[in-house]
């Protein structure tokens, strides 16, 4: 994490080692979703409880929190063998229900 001036980097959590991408902080500032090893992960803002939220045989990327403050994320899934076919998924983490939108 960095402050608003992009100074003073602070590592949060120790469970994930390696490059992570596309982090997004939830609207209430308590958790972060991010991509790691082509899967979707989450962690509390203090670095505790890092966990894989979504795993798949496809590349999972660009996770974002819903702006309404719910426990809902959306992300893009692309097959390993096709860079152009993509499916956007919306996942309600509270009830575990997932919806998809196929992009042609």
PDB file of N, CA and C in Angstrom:
ATOM      1  N   UNK A   1       0.849  -1.174   0.000  1.00  0.00           N
ATOM      2  CA  UNK A   1       0.000   0.000   0.000  1.00  0.00           C
ATOM      3  C   UNK A   1       0.890   1.229   0.000  1.00  0.00           C
ATOM      4  N   UNK A   2       0.375   2.295  -0.625  1.00  0.00           N
ATOM      5  CA  UNK A   2       1.072   3.570  -0.676  1.00  0.00           C
ATOM      6  C   UNK A   2       0.154   4.666  -0.167  1.00  0.00           C
ATOM      7  N   UNK A   3       0.743   5.750   0.331  1.00  0.00           N
ATOM      8  CA  UNK A   3      -0.082   6.885   0.718  1.00  0.00           C
ATOM      9  C   UNK A   3      -0.482   7.675  -0.529  1.00  0.00           C
ATOM     10  N   UNK A   4      -1.253   8.736  -0.349  1.00  0.00           N
ATOM     11  CA  UNK A   4      -1.778   9.505  -1.475  1.00  0.00           C
ATOM     12  C   UNK A   4      -0.684  10.117  -2.347  1.00  0.00           C
ATOM     13  N   UNK A   5       0.497  10.345  -1.799  1.00  0.00           N
ATOM     14  CA  UNK A   5       1.616  10.898  -2.567  1.00  0.00           C
ATOM     15  C   UNK A   5       2.445   9.816  -3.249  1.00  0.00           C
ATOM     16  N   UNK A   6       1.994   8.570  -3.121  1.00  0.00           N
ATOM     17  CA  UNK A   6       2.704   7.403  -3.666  1.00  0.00           C
ATOM     18  C   UNK A   6       4.063   7.217  -3.009  1.00  0.00           C
ATOM     19  N   UNK A   7       4.143   7.590  -1.743  1.00  0.00           N
ATOM     20  CA  UNK A   7       5.358   7.439  -0.947  1.00  0.00           C
ATOM     21  C   UNK A   7       5.128   6.378   0.125  1.00  0.00           C
ATOM     22  N   UNK A   8       6.174   6.029   0.800  1.00  0.00           N
ATOM     23  CA  UNK A   8       6.106   5.158   1.973  1.00  0.00           C
ATOM     24  C   UNK A   8       5.370   3.841   1.731  1.00  0.00           C
ATOM     25  N   UNK A   9       5.859   3.024   0.817  1.00  0.00           N
ATOM     26  CA  UNK A   9       5.192   1.740   0.582  1.00  0.00           C
ATOM     27  C   UNK A   9       5.230   0.846   1.821  1.00  0.00           C
ATOM     28  N   UNK A  10       4.123   0.174   2.074  1.00  0.00           N
ATOM     29  CA  UNK A  10       4.001  -0.747   3.192  1.00  0.00           C
ATOM     30  C   UNK A  10       3.422  -2.048   2.668  1.00  0.00           C
ATOM     31  N   UNK A  11       4.110  -3.149   2.940  1.00  0.00           N
ATOM     32  CA  UNK A  11       3.613  -4.469   2.526  1.00  0.00           C
ATOM     33  C   UNK A  11       2.517  -4.886   3.490  1.00  0.00           C
ATOM     34  N   UNK A  12       1.402  -5.362   2.932  1.00  0.00           N
ATOM     35  CA  UNK A  12       0.337  -5.882   3.784  1.00  0.00           C
ATOM     36  C   UNK A  12       0.194  -7.375   3.528  1.00  0.00           C
ATOM     37  N   UNK A  13       0.119  -8.134   4.586  1.00  0.00           N
ATOM     38  CA  UNK A  13      -0.062  -9.576   4.475  1.00  0.00           C
ATOM     39  C   UNK A  13       1.201 -10.302   4.087  1.00  0.00           C
ATOM     40  N   UNK A  14       1.253 -11.568   4.445  1.00  0.00           N
ATOM     41  CA  UNK A  14       2.398 -12.413   4.115  1.00  0.00           C
ATOM     42  C   UNK A  14       2.005 -13.678   3.359  1.00  0.00           C
ATOM     43  N   UNK A  15       0.699 -13.902   3.168  1.00  0.00           N
ATOM     44  CA  UNK A  15       0.246 -15.146   2.551  1.00  0.00           C
ATOM     45  C   UNK A  15       0.525 -15.222   1.050  1.00  0.00           C
ATOM     46  N   UNK A  16       0.529 -14.069   0.383  1.00  0.00           N
ATOM     47  CA  UNK A  16       0.696 -14.030  -1.069  1.00  0.00           C
ATOM     48  C   UNK A  16       2.090 -13.515  -1.379  1.00  0.00           C
ATOM     49  N   UNK A  17       2.866 -14.324  -2.059  1.00  0.00           N
ATOM     50  CA  UNK A  17       4.217 -13.932  -2.477  1.00  0.00           C
ATOM     51  C   UNK A  17       4.262 -13.945  -3.992  1.00  0.00           C
ATOM     52  N   UNK A  18       4.650 -12.859  -4.567  1.00  0.00           N
ATOM     53  CA  UNK A  18       4.726 -12.760  -6.012  1.00  0.00           C
ATOM     54  C   UNK A  18       3.903 -11.581  -6.492  1.00  0.00           C
ATOM     55  N   UNK A  19       3.947 -11.322  -7.792  1.00  0.00           N
ATOM     56  CA  UNK A  19       3.245 -10.153  -8.318  1.00  0.00           C
ATOM     57  C   UNK A  19       1.726 -10.322  -8.262  1.00  0.00           C
ATOM     58  N   UNK A  20       1.069  -9.270  -7.836  1.00  0.00           N
ATOM     59  CA  UNK A  20      -0.388  -9.212  -7.855  1.00  0.00           C
ATOM     60  C   UNK A  20      -0.792  -8.081  -8.788  1.00  0.00           C
ATOM     61  N   UNK A  21      -2.025  -8.097  -9.235  1.00  0.00           N
ATOM     62  CA  UNK A  21      -2.454  -7.059 -10.161  1.00  0.00           C
ATOM     63  C   UNK A  21      -3.872  -6.598  -9.914  1.00  0.00           C
ATOM     64  N   UNK A  22      -4.151  -5.417 -10.408  1.00  0.00           N
ATOM     65  CA  UNK A  22      -5.483  -4.832 -10.437  1.00  0.00           C
ATOM     66  C   UNK A  22      -6.205  -4.854  -9.095  1.00  0.00           C
ATOM     67  N   UNK A  23      -5.583  -4.314  -8.043  1.00  0.00           N
ATOM     68  CA  UNK A  23      -6.268  -4.284  -6.756  1.00  0.00           C
ATOM     69  C   UNK A  23      -7.416  -3.282  -6.765  1.00  0.00           C
ATOM     70  N   UNK A  24      -8.454  -3.571  -5.992  1.00  0.00           N
ATOM     71  CA  UNK A  24      -9.573  -2.652  -5.829  1.00  0.00           C
ATOM     72  C   UNK A  24     -10.048  -2.714  -4.381  1.00  0.00           C
ATOM     73  N   UNK A  25     -10.108  -1.554  -3.729  1.00  0.00           N
ATOM     74  CA  UNK A  25     -10.549  -1.465  -2.337  1.00  0.00           C
ATOM     75  C   UNK A  25     -12.067  -1.334  -2.322  1.00  0.00           C
ATOM     76  N   UNK A  26     -12.712  -2.082  -1.412  1.00  0.00           N
ATOM     77  CA  UNK A  26     -14.174  -1.999  -1.337  1.00  0.00           C
ATOM     78  C   UNK A  26     -14.602  -0.622  -0.844  1.00  0.00           C
ATOM     79  N   UNK A  27     -15.870  -0.243  -1.095  1.00  0.00           N
ATOM     80  CA  UNK A  27     -16.325   1.116  -0.768  1.00  0.00           C
ATOM     81  C   UNK A  27     -16.171   1.516   0.699  1.00  0.00           C
ATOM     82  N   UNK A  28     -16.247   0.569   1.631  1.00  0.00           N
ATOM     83  CA  UNK A  28     -16.092   0.965   3.036  1.00  0.00           C
ATOM     84  C   UNK A  28     -14.645   0.906   3.513  1.00  0.00           C
ATOM     85  N   UNK A  29     -13.717   0.577   2.610  1.00  0.00           N
ATOM     86  CA  UNK A  29     -12.290   0.629   2.925  1.00  0.00           C
ATOM     87  C   UNK A  29     -11.775  -0.482   3.816  1.00  0.00           C
ATOM     88  N   UNK A  30     -12.477  -1.607   3.889  1.00  0.00           N
ATOM     89  CA  UNK A  30     -12.058  -2.681   4.795  1.00  0.00           C
ATOM     90  C   UNK A  30     -11.410  -3.873   4.110  1.00  0.00           C
ATOM     91  N   UNK A  31     -11.543  -3.984   2.784  1.00  0.00           N
ATOM     92  CA  UNK A  31     -11.014  -5.166   2.086  1.00  0.00           C
ATOM     93  C   UNK A  31     -10.552  -4.795   0.681  1.00  0.00           C
ATOM     94  N   UNK A  32      -9.711  -5.652   0.137  1.00  0.00           N
ATOM     95  CA  UNK A  32      -9.167  -5.471  -1.208  1.00  0.00           C
ATOM     96  C   UNK A  32      -9.378  -6.767  -1.984  1.00  0.00           C
ATOM     97  N   UNK A  33      -9.788  -6.653  -3.252  1.00  0.00           N
ATOM     98  CA  UNK A  33      -9.752  -7.793  -4.168  1.00  0.00           C
ATOM     99  C   UNK A  33      -8.638  -7.530  -5.160  1.00  0.00           C
ATOM    100  N   UNK A  34      -8.026  -8.605  -5.677  1.00  0.00           N
ATOM    101  CA  UNK A  34      -6.928  -8.463  -6.626  1.00  0.00           C
ATOM    102  C   UNK A  34      -6.763  -9.767  -7.392  1.00  0.00           C
ATOM    103  N   UNK A  35      -5.997  -9.701  -8.470  1.00  0.00           N
ATOM    104  CA  UNK A  35      -5.697 -10.931  -9.196  1.00  0.00           C
ATOM    105  C   UNK A  35      -4.302 -11.390  -8.812  1.00  0.00           C
ATOM    106  N   UNK A  36      -4.179 -12.693  -8.614  1.00  0.00           N
ATOM    107  CA  UNK A  36      -2.898 -13.314  -8.291  1.00  0.00           C
ATOM    108  C   UNK A  36      -2.907 -14.697  -8.915  1.00  0.00           C
ATOM    109  N   UNK A  37      -1.871 -15.001  -9.664  1.00  0.00           N
ATOM    110  CA  UNK A  37      -1.745 -16.308 -10.302  1.00  0.00           C
ATOM    111  C   UNK A  37      -2.972 -16.610 -11.164  1.00  0.00           C
ATOM    112  N   UNK A  38      -3.486 -15.576 -11.829  1.00  0.00           N
ATOM    113  CA  UNK A  38      -4.626 -15.648 -12.739  1.00  0.00           C
ATOM    114  C   UNK A  38      -5.922 -16.079 -12.060  1.00  0.00           C
ATOM    115  N   UNK A  39      -6.017 -15.861 -10.762  1.00  0.00           N
ATOM    116  CA  UNK A  39      -7.228 -16.143  -9.991  1.00  0.00           C
ATOM    117  C   UNK A  39      -7.588 -14.887  -9.199  1.00  0.00           C
ATOM    118  N   UNK A  40      -8.774 -14.868  -8.586  1.00  0.00           N
ATOM    119  CA  UNK A  40      -9.224 -13.710  -7.826  1.00  0.00           C
ATOM    120  C   UNK A  40      -9.059 -13.982  -6.335  1.00  0.00           C
ATOM    121  N   UNK A  41      -8.389 -13.062  -5.672  1.00  0.00           N
ATOM    122  CA  UNK A  41      -8.099 -13.164  -4.244  1.00  0.00           C
ATOM    123  C   UNK A  41      -8.669 -11.970  -3.506  1.00  0.00           C
ATOM    124  N   UNK A  42      -8.806 -12.125  -2.203  1.00  0.00           N
ATOM    125  CA  UNK A  42      -9.234 -11.033  -1.342  1.00  0.00           C
ATOM    126  C   UNK A  42      -8.399 -11.009  -0.086  1.00  0.00           C
ATOM    127  N   UNK A  43      -8.310  -9.839   0.531  1.00  0.00           N
ATOM    128  CA  UNK A  43      -7.563  -9.673   1.777  1.00  0.00           C
ATOM    129  C   UNK A  43      -8.179  -8.506   2.542  1.00  0.00           C
ATOM    130  N   UNK A  44      -8.160  -8.583   3.845  1.00  0.00           N
ATOM    131  CA  UNK A  44      -8.585  -7.449   4.657  1.00  0.00           C
ATOM    132  C   UNK A  44      -7.580  -6.323   4.470  1.00  0.00           C
ATOM    133  N   UNK A  45      -8.011  -5.099   4.668  1.00  0.00           N
ATOM    134  CA  UNK A  45      -7.151  -3.936   4.426  1.00  0.00           C
ATOM    135  C   UNK A  45      -5.904  -3.945   5.309  1.00  0.00           C
ATOM    136  N   UNK A  46      -5.967  -4.627   6.459  1.00  0.00           N
ATOM    137  CA  UNK A  46      -4.798  -4.705   7.337  1.00  0.00           C
ATOM    138  C   UNK A  46      -3.850  -5.844   6.951  1.00  0.00           C
ATOM    139  N   UNK A  47      -4.183  -6.574   5.869  1.00  0.00           N
ATOM    140  CA  UNK A  47      -3.323  -7.657   5.392  1.00  0.00           C
ATOM    141  C   UNK A  47      -3.686  -9.018   5.937  1.00  0.00           C
ATOM    142  N   UNK A  48      -4.669  -9.095   6.798  1.00  0.00           N
ATOM    143  CA  UNK A  48      -5.059 -10.390   7.366  1.00  0.00           C
ATOM    144  C   UNK A  48      -6.052 -11.120   6.465  1.00  0.00           C
ATOM    145  N   UNK A  49      -6.114 -12.408   6.646  1.00  0.00           N
ATOM    146  CA  UNK A  49      -7.110 -13.270   6.001  1.00  0.00           C
ATOM    147  C   UNK A  49      -7.065 -13.256   4.478  1.00  0.00           C
ATOM    148  N   UNK A  50      -5.864 -13.297   3.900  1.00  0.00           N
ATOM    149  CA  UNK A  50      -5.764 -13.424   2.443  1.00  0.00           C
ATOM    150  C   UNK A  50      -6.341 -14.772   2.040  1.00  0.00           C
ATOM    151  N   UNK A  51      -7.172 -14.760   1.004  1.00  0.00           N
ATOM    152  CA  UNK A  51      -7.815 -16.000   0.577  1.00  0.00           C
ATOM    153  C   UNK A  51      -8.181 -15.922  -0.890  1.00  0.00           C
ATOM    154  N   UNK A  52      -8.179 -17.073  -1.513  1.00  0.00           N
ATOM    155  CA  UNK A  52      -8.611 -17.171  -2.900  1.00  0.00           C
ATOM    156  C   UNK A  52     -10.131 -17.149  -2.910  1.00  0.00           C
ATOM    157  N   UNK A  53     -10.708 -16.180  -3.610  1.00  0.00           N
ATOM    158  CA  UNK A  53     -12.158 -16.043  -3.659  1.00  0.00           C
ATOM    159  C   UNK A  53     -12.767 -16.815  -4.818  1.00  0.00           C
ATOM    160  N   UNK A  54     -12.065 -16.804  -5.957  1.00  0.00           N
ATOM    161  CA  UNK A  54     -12.560 -17.472  -7.157  1.00  0.00           C
ATOM    162  C   UNK A  54     -11.391 -18.171  -7.818  1.00  0.00           C
ATOM    163  N   UNK A  55     -11.585 -19.425  -8.156  1.00  0.00           N
ATOM    164  CA  UNK A  55     -10.563 -20.178  -8.870  1.00  0.00           C
ATOM    165  C   UNK A  55     -11.215 -20.838 -10.074  1.00  0.00           C
ATOM    166  N   UNK A  56     -10.466 -20.949 -11.147  1.00  0.00           N
ATOM    167  CA  UNK A  56     -11.018 -21.489 -12.385  1.00  0.00           C
ATOM    168  C   UNK A  56      -9.885 -21.945 -13.281  1.00  0.00           C
ATOM    169  N   UNK A  57     -10.216 -22.702 -14.295  1.00  0.00           N
ATOM    170  CA  UNK A  57      -9.245 -23.125 -15.294  1.00  0.00           C
ATOM    171  C   UNK A  57      -9.013 -22.065 -16.351  1.00  0.00           C
ATOM    172  N   UNK A  58      -9.603 -20.889 -16.163  1.00  0.00           N
ATOM    173  CA  UNK A  58      -9.426 -19.779 -17.095  1.00  0.00           C
ATOM    174  C   UNK A  58      -8.652 -18.666 -16.404  1.00  0.00           C
ATOM    175  N   UNK A  59      -8.258 -17.660 -17.194  1.00  0.00           N
ATOM    176  CA  UNK A  59      -7.594 -16.489 -16.629  1.00  0.00           C
ATOM    177  C   UNK A  59      -8.658 -15.574 -16.030  1.00  0.00           C
ATOM    178  N   UNK A  60      -8.540 -15.265 -14.772  1.00  0.00           N
ATOM    179  CA  UNK A  60      -9.465 -14.360 -14.104  1.00  0.00           C
ATOM    180  C   UNK A  60      -8.748 -13.049 -13.859  1.00  0.00           C
ATOM    181  N   UNK A  61      -9.380 -11.932 -14.270  1.00  0.00           N
ATOM    182  CA  UNK A  61      -8.685 -10.649 -14.236  1.00  0.00           C
ATOM    183  C   UNK A  61      -9.621  -9.507 -13.893  1.00  0.00           C
ATOM    184  N   UNK A  62      -9.030  -8.398 -13.540  1.00  0.00           N
ATOM    185  CA  UNK A  62      -9.703  -7.114 -13.331  1.00  0.00           C
ATOM    186  C   UNK A  62     -10.867  -7.167 -12.341  1.00  0.00           C
ATOM    187  N   UNK A  63     -10.662  -7.673 -11.130  1.00  0.00           N
ATOM    188  CA  UNK A  63     -11.764  -7.695 -10.167  1.00  0.00           C
ATOM    189  C   UNK A  63     -12.083  -6.287  -9.658  1.00  0.00           C
ATOM    190  N   UNK A  64     -13.370  -6.015  -9.480  1.00  0.00           N
ATOM    191  CA  UNK A  64     -13.793  -4.742  -8.886  1.00  0.00           C
ATOM    192  C   UNK A  64     -14.968  -4.992  -7.950  1.00  0.00           C
ATOM    193  N   UNK A  65     -15.035  -4.181  -6.913  1.00  0.00           N
ATOM    194  CA  UNK A  65     -16.154  -4.237  -5.974  1.00  0.00           C
ATOM    195  C   UNK A  65     -17.337  -3.484  -6.543  1.00  0.00           C
ATOM    196  N   UNK A  66     -18.538  -3.907  -6.186  1.00  0.00           N
ATOM    197  CA  UNK A  66     -19.747  -3.148  -6.510  1.00  0.00           C
ATOM    198  C   UNK A  66     -19.710  -1.831  -5.740  1.00  0.00           C
ATOM    199  N   UNK A  67     -20.152  -0.775  -6.354  1.00  0.00           N
ATOM    200  CA  UNK A  67     -20.095   0.545  -5.716  1.00  0.00           C
ATOM    201  C   UNK A  67     -21.168   0.745  -4.653  1.00  0.00           C
ATOM    202  N   UNK A  68     -22.124  -0.186  -4.562  1.00  0.00           N
ATOM    203  CA  UNK A  68     -23.215  -0.024  -3.595  1.00  0.00           C
ATOM    204  C   UNK A  68     -22.862  -0.503  -2.192  1.00  0.00           C
ATOM    205  N   UNK A  69     -21.631  -0.968  -1.995  1.00  0.00           N
ATOM    206  CA  UNK A  69     -21.198  -1.411  -0.677  1.00  0.00           C
ATOM    207  C   UNK A  69     -21.548  -2.847  -0.345  1.00  0.00           C
ATOM    208  N   UNK A  70     -22.171  -3.557  -1.273  1.00  0.00           N
ATOM    209  CA  UNK A  70     -22.505  -4.959  -1.032  1.00  0.00           C
ATOM    210  C   UNK A  70     -21.259  -5.831  -1.164  1.00  0.00           C
ATOM    211  N   UNK A  71     -21.377  -7.073  -0.749  1.00  0.00           N
ATOM    212  CA  UNK A  71     -20.268  -8.023  -0.887  1.00  0.00           C
ATOM    213  C   UNK A  71     -20.319  -8.659  -2.269  1.00  0.00           C
ATOM    214  N   UNK A  72     -20.251  -7.818  -3.290  1.00  0.00           N
ATOM    215  CA  UNK A  72     -20.348  -8.271  -4.672  1.00  0.00           C
ATOM    216  C   UNK A  72     -19.141  -7.777  -5.445  1.00  0.00           C
ATOM    217  N   UNK A  73     -18.558  -8.683  -6.227  1.00  0.00           N
ATOM    218  CA  UNK A  73     -17.450  -8.317  -7.105  1.00  0.00           C
ATOM    219  C   UNK A  73     -17.796  -8.726  -8.532  1.00  0.00           C
ATOM    220  N   UNK A  74     -17.159  -8.096  -9.478  1.00  0.00           N
ATOM    221  CA  UNK A  74     -17.242  -8.542 -10.862  1.00  0.00           C
ATOM    222  C   UNK A  74     -15.818  -8.692 -11.373  1.00  0.00           C
ATOM    223  N   UNK A  75     -15.661  -9.541 -12.378  1.00  0.00           N
ATOM    224  CA  UNK A  75     -14.335  -9.802 -12.927  1.00  0.00           C
ATOM    225  C   UNK A  75     -14.473 -10.374 -14.324  1.00  0.00           C
ATOM    226  N   UNK A  76     -13.391 -10.364 -15.074  1.00  0.00           N
ATOM    227  CA  UNK A  76     -13.354 -10.887 -16.433  1.00  0.00           C
ATOM    228  C   UNK A  76     -12.681 -12.245 -16.436  1.00  0.00           C
ATOM    229  N   UNK A  77     -13.267 -13.198 -17.156  1.00  0.00           N
ATOM    230  CA  UNK A  77     -12.664 -14.524 -17.326  1.00  0.00           C
ATOM    231  C   UNK A  77     -12.403 -14.746 -18.809  1.00  0.00           C
ATOM    232  N   UNK A  78     -11.180 -15.142 -19.151  1.00  0.00           N
ATOM    233  CA  UNK A  78     -10.838 -15.479 -20.536  1.00  0.00           C
ATOM    234  C   UNK A  78     -10.214 -16.865 -20.562  1.00  0.00           C
ATOM    235  N   UNK A  79     -10.596 -17.686 -21.545  1.00  0.00           N
ATOM    236  CA  UNK A  79      -9.992 -19.018 -21.650  1.00  0.00           C
ATOM    237  C   UNK A  79      -8.481 -18.909 -21.851  1.00  0.00           C
ATOM    238  N   UNK A  80      -7.767 -19.895 -21.368  1.00  0.00           N
ATOM    239  CA  UNK A  80      -6.311 -19.893 -21.495  1.00  0.00           C
ATOM    240  C   UNK A  80      -5.853 -19.873 -22.945  1.00  0.00           C
ATOM    241  N   UNK A  81      -6.654 -20.450 -23.853  1.00  0.00           N
ATOM    242  CA  UNK A  81      -6.241 -20.557 -25.249  1.00  0.00           C
ATOM    243  C   UNK A  81      -6.866 -19.496 -26.151  1.00  0.00           C
ATOM    244  N   UNK A  82      -7.565 -18.504 -25.597  1.00  0.00           N
ATOM    245  CA  UNK A  82      -8.237 -17.504 -26.424  1.00  0.00           C
ATOM    246  C   UNK A  82      -8.203 -16.147 -25.721  1.00  0.00           C
ATOM    247  N   UNK A  83      -7.441 -15.194 -26.282  1.00  0.00           N
ATOM    248  CA  UNK A  83      -7.319 -13.878 -25.669  1.00  0.00           C
ATOM    249  C   UNK A  83      -8.544 -12.999 -25.914  1.00  0.00           C
ATOM    250  N   UNK A  84      -9.379 -13.357 -26.869  1.00  0.00           N
ATOM    251  CA  UNK A  84     -10.437 -12.459 -27.298  1.00  0.00           C
ATOM    252  C   UNK A  84     -11.825 -12.831 -26.797  1.00  0.00           C
ATOM    253  N   UNK A  85     -12.051 -14.069 -26.451  1.00  0.00           N
ATOM    254  CA  UNK A  85     -13.325 -14.471 -25.892  1.00  0.00           C
ATOM    255  C   UNK A  85     -13.300 -14.162 -24.405  1.00  0.00           C
ATOM    256  N   UNK A  86     -14.286 -13.454 -23.922  1.00  0.00           N
ATOM    257  CA  UNK A  86     -14.306 -13.108 -22.508  1.00  0.00           C
ATOM    258  C   UNK A  86     -15.701 -13.192 -21.934  1.00  0.00           C
ATOM    259  N   UNK A  87     -15.776 -13.489 -20.673  1.00  0.00           N
ATOM    260  CA  UNK A  87     -17.041 -13.532 -19.960  1.00  0.00           C
ATOM    261  C   UNK A  87     -16.885 -12.675 -18.710  1.00  0.00           C
ATOM    262  N   UNK A  88     -17.823 -11.759 -18.500  1.00  0.00           N
ATOM    263  CA  UNK A  88     -17.823 -10.976 -17.272  1.00  0.00           C
ATOM    264  C   UNK A  88     -18.695 -11.718 -16.269  1.00  0.00           C
ATOM    265  N   UNK A  89     -18.148 -11.928 -15.082  1.00  0.00           N
ATOM    266  CA  UNK A  89     -18.883 -12.575 -14.009  1.00  0.00           C
ATOM    267  C   UNK A  89     -19.158 -11.575 -12.903  1.00  0.00           C
ATOM    268  N   UNK A  90     -20.321 -11.699 -12.302  1.00  0.00           N
ATOM    269  CA  UNK A  90     -20.686 -10.939 -11.112  1.00  0.00           C
ATOM    270  C   UNK A  90     -20.941 -11.975 -10.028  1.00  0.00           C
ATOM    271  N   UNK A  91     -20.251 -11.839  -8.900  1.00  0.00           N
ATOM    272  CA  UNK A  91     -20.334 -12.824  -7.825  1.00  0.00           C
ATOM    273  C   UNK A  91     -20.756 -12.140  -6.528  1.00  0.00           C
ATOM    274  N   UNK A  92     -21.858 -12.616  -5.949  1.00  0.00           N
ATOM    275  CA  UNK A  92     -22.299 -12.162  -4.635  1.00  0.00           C
ATOM    276  C   UNK A  92     -21.596 -13.042  -3.611  1.00  0.00           C
ATOM    277  N   UNK A  93     -20.600 -12.502  -2.928  1.00  0.00           N
ATOM    278  CA  UNK A  93     -19.805 -13.285  -1.982  1.00  0.00           C
ATOM    279  C   UNK A  93     -20.611 -13.697  -0.755  1.00  0.00           C
ATOM    280  N   UNK A  94     -21.655 -12.939  -0.447  1.00  0.00           N
ATOM    281  CA  UNK A  94     -22.455 -13.243   0.733  1.00  0.00           C
ATOM    282  C   UNK A  94     -23.256 -14.533   0.561  1.00  0.00           C
ATOM    283  N   UNK A  95     -23.837 -14.733  -0.627  1.00  0.00           N
ATOM    284  CA  UNK A  95     -24.643 -15.938  -0.854  1.00  0.00           C
ATOM    285  C   UNK A  95     -23.987 -16.931  -1.807  1.00  0.00           C
ATOM    286  N   UNK A  96     -22.853 -16.534  -2.410  1.00  0.00           N
ATOM    287  CA  UNK A  96     -22.138 -17.425  -3.306  1.00  0.00           C
ATOM    288  C   UNK A  96     -22.781 -17.607  -4.663  1.00  0.00           C
ATOM    289  N   UNK A  97     -23.639 -16.684  -5.067  1.00  0.00           N
ATOM    290  CA  UNK A  97     -24.317 -16.797  -6.362  1.00  0.00           C
ATOM    291  C   UNK A  97     -23.557 -16.000  -7.416  1.00  0.00           C
ATOM    292  N   UNK A  98     -23.424 -16.580  -8.605  1.00  0.00           N
ATOM    293  CA  UNK A  98     -22.647 -15.976  -9.677  1.00  0.00           C
ATOM    294  C   UNK A  98     -23.500 -15.836 -10.925  1.00  0.00           C
ATOM    295  N   UNK A  99     -23.331 -14.715 -11.615  1.00  0.00           N
ATOM    296  CA  UNK A  99     -24.034 -14.450 -12.871  1.00  0.00           C
ATOM    297  C   UNK A  99     -22.985 -14.166 -13.925  1.00  0.00           C
ATOM    298  N   UNK A 100     -23.303 -14.454 -15.183  1.00  0.00           N
ATOM    299  CA  UNK A 100     -22.325 -14.213 -16.240  1.00  0.00           C
ATOM    300  C   UNK A 100     -22.950 -13.480 -17.413  1.00  0.00           C
ATOM    301  N   UNK A 101     -22.084 -12.776 -18.139  1.00  0.00           N
ATOM    302  CA  UNK A 101     -22.451 -12.061 -19.364  1.00  0.00           C
ATOM    303  C   UNK A 101     -21.382 -12.402 -20.386  1.00  0.00           C
ATOM    304  N   UNK A 102     -21.755 -13.106 -21.455  1.00  0.00           N
ATOM    305  CA  UNK A 102     -20.803 -13.513 -22.487  1.00  0.00           C
ATOM    306  C   UNK A 102     -20.574 -12.349 -23.445  1.00  0.00           C
ATOM    307  N   UNK A 103     -19.312 -12.039 -23.717  1.00  0.00           N
ATOM    308  CA  UNK A 103     -18.953 -10.970 -24.656  1.00  0.00           C
ATOM    309  C   UNK A 103     -18.537 -11.604 -25.980  1.00  0.00           C
ATOM    310  N   UNK A 104     -19.230 -11.306 -27.034  1.00  0.00           N
ATOM    311  CA  UNK A 104     -18.881 -11.834 -28.368  1.00  0.00           C
ATOM    312  C   UNK A 104     -18.204 -10.771 -29.185  1.00  0.00           C
TER     313      UNK A 104
END
